[in-house]
Amino acid sequence: MIPKPDGSQRELGIPTVLDRLIQQALLQVLQPLIDPTFSEHSHGFRPGRRAHDAVKAAREYVQSGKRVVVDVDLSKFSTG
């Protein structure tokens, strides 16, 4: 069990070889279909893109005169 910040606990999830095989198979089929629908400005977990690319894009955005850059982590999103 892993302690969570709110004091509760969760089970440690370790994927099996079969889990990883299925995940990769789905990724290889779905990614080419879904990736083109993402914003060109999206960098998270996209093929051929790294965190350094996101930082470079943000700097270029600001240098072009823009004043706000937004960094969003949807895994931390909560509706309350």
Protein backbone atom coordinates (compact mmCIF):
# COMPACT_ATOMS: atom_id res chain seq x y z
CA MET A 1 0.00 0.00 0.00
CA ILE A 2 1.18 3.53 -0.81
CA PRO A 3 0.21 6.46 1.44
CA LYS A 4 -1.58 9.36 -0.26
CA PRO A 5 -1.30 13.04 0.80
CA ASP A 6 -4.83 13.01 2.23
CA GLY A 7 -3.89 10.19 4.65
CA SER A 8 -5.62 7.41 2.72
CA GLN A 9 -3.75 4.61 0.94
CA ARG A 10 -3.83 2.99 -2.48
CA GLU A 11 -2.52 -0.28 -3.81
CA LEU A 12 0.71 -0.23 -5.79
CA GLY A 13 -0.18 -1.17 -9.35
CA ILE A 14 2.57 -3.02 -11.19
CA PRO A 15 1.59 -3.92 -14.77
CA THR A 16 2.18 -7.49 -15.88
CA VAL A 17 3.91 -8.35 -19.14
CA LEU A 18 0.48 -9.05 -20.67
CA ASP A 19 -0.78 -5.64 -19.45
CA ARG A 20 2.16 -3.88 -21.11
CA LEU A 21 1.73 -5.88 -24.32
CA ILE A 22 -1.94 -4.89 -24.57
CA GLN A 23 -1.14 -1.25 -23.72
CA GLN A 24 1.48 -1.06 -26.47
CA ALA A 25 -0.79 -2.75 -29.02
CA LEU A 26 -3.57 -0.25 -28.29
CA LEU A 27 -1.12 2.65 -28.39
CA GLN A 28 0.22 1.63 -31.79
CA VAL A 29 -3.28 1.38 -33.25
CA LEU A 30 -4.92 4.40 -31.60
CA GLN A 31 -2.08 6.95 -31.52
CA PRO A 32 -1.93 7.50 -35.31
CA LEU A 33 -5.71 8.05 -35.30
CA ILE A 34 -5.93 10.36 -32.30
CA ASP A 35 -2.63 12.30 -32.35
CA PRO A 36 -3.53 14.41 -35.43
CA THR A 37 -6.58 15.76 -33.55
CA PHE A 38 -4.42 17.31 -30.79
CA SER A 39 -3.39 20.95 -30.83
CA GLU A 40 -0.07 21.70 -32.50
CA HIS A 41 0.85 23.41 -29.22
CA SER A 42 0.37 20.23 -27.17
CA HIS A 43 3.65 18.59 -26.13
CA GLY A 44 2.79 16.11 -23.38
CA PHE A 45 3.43 12.43 -24.16
CA ARG A 46 3.46 12.98 -27.92
CA PRO A 47 5.76 11.13 -30.28
CA GLY A 48 8.84 13.10 -31.22
CA ARG A 49 8.25 15.77 -28.58
CA ARG A 50 10.07 16.33 -25.33
CA ALA A 51 9.76 18.63 -22.33
CA HIS A 52 12.64 20.67 -23.80
CA ASP A 53 10.55 21.25 -26.94
CA ALA A 54 7.70 22.59 -24.80
CA VAL A 55 10.03 24.98 -22.96
CA LYS A 56 11.52 26.20 -26.26
CA ALA A 57 8.03 26.75 -27.70
CA ALA A 58 6.98 28.69 -24.59
CA ARG A 59 10.05 30.93 -24.82
CA GLU A 60 9.40 31.61 -28.50
CA TYR A 61 5.76 32.37 -27.71
CA VAL A 62 6.75 34.93 -25.06
CA GLN A 63 9.47 36.44 -27.28
CA SER A 64 6.85 36.99 -29.98
CA GLY A 65 5.08 39.40 -27.63
CA LYS A 66 2.59 37.12 -25.94
CA ARG A 67 2.28 37.56 -22.19
CA VAL A 68 0.78 34.29 -20.91
CA VAL A 69 1.88 30.67 -21.21
CA VAL A 70 -0.32 27.96 -19.67
CA ASP A 71 0.96 24.63 -18.34
CA VAL A 72 -1.85 22.18 -17.63
CA ASP A 73 -1.59 18.71 -16.09
CA LEU A 74 -4.92 16.99 -16.68
CA SER A 75 -4.01 14.08 -14.39
CA LYS A 76 -4.22 16.56 -11.50
CA PHE A 77 -7.53 18.04 -12.69
CA SER A 78 -10.48 17.70 -10.33
CA THR A 79 -14.04 18.93 -10.58
CA GLY A 80 -14.24 19.38 -6.86
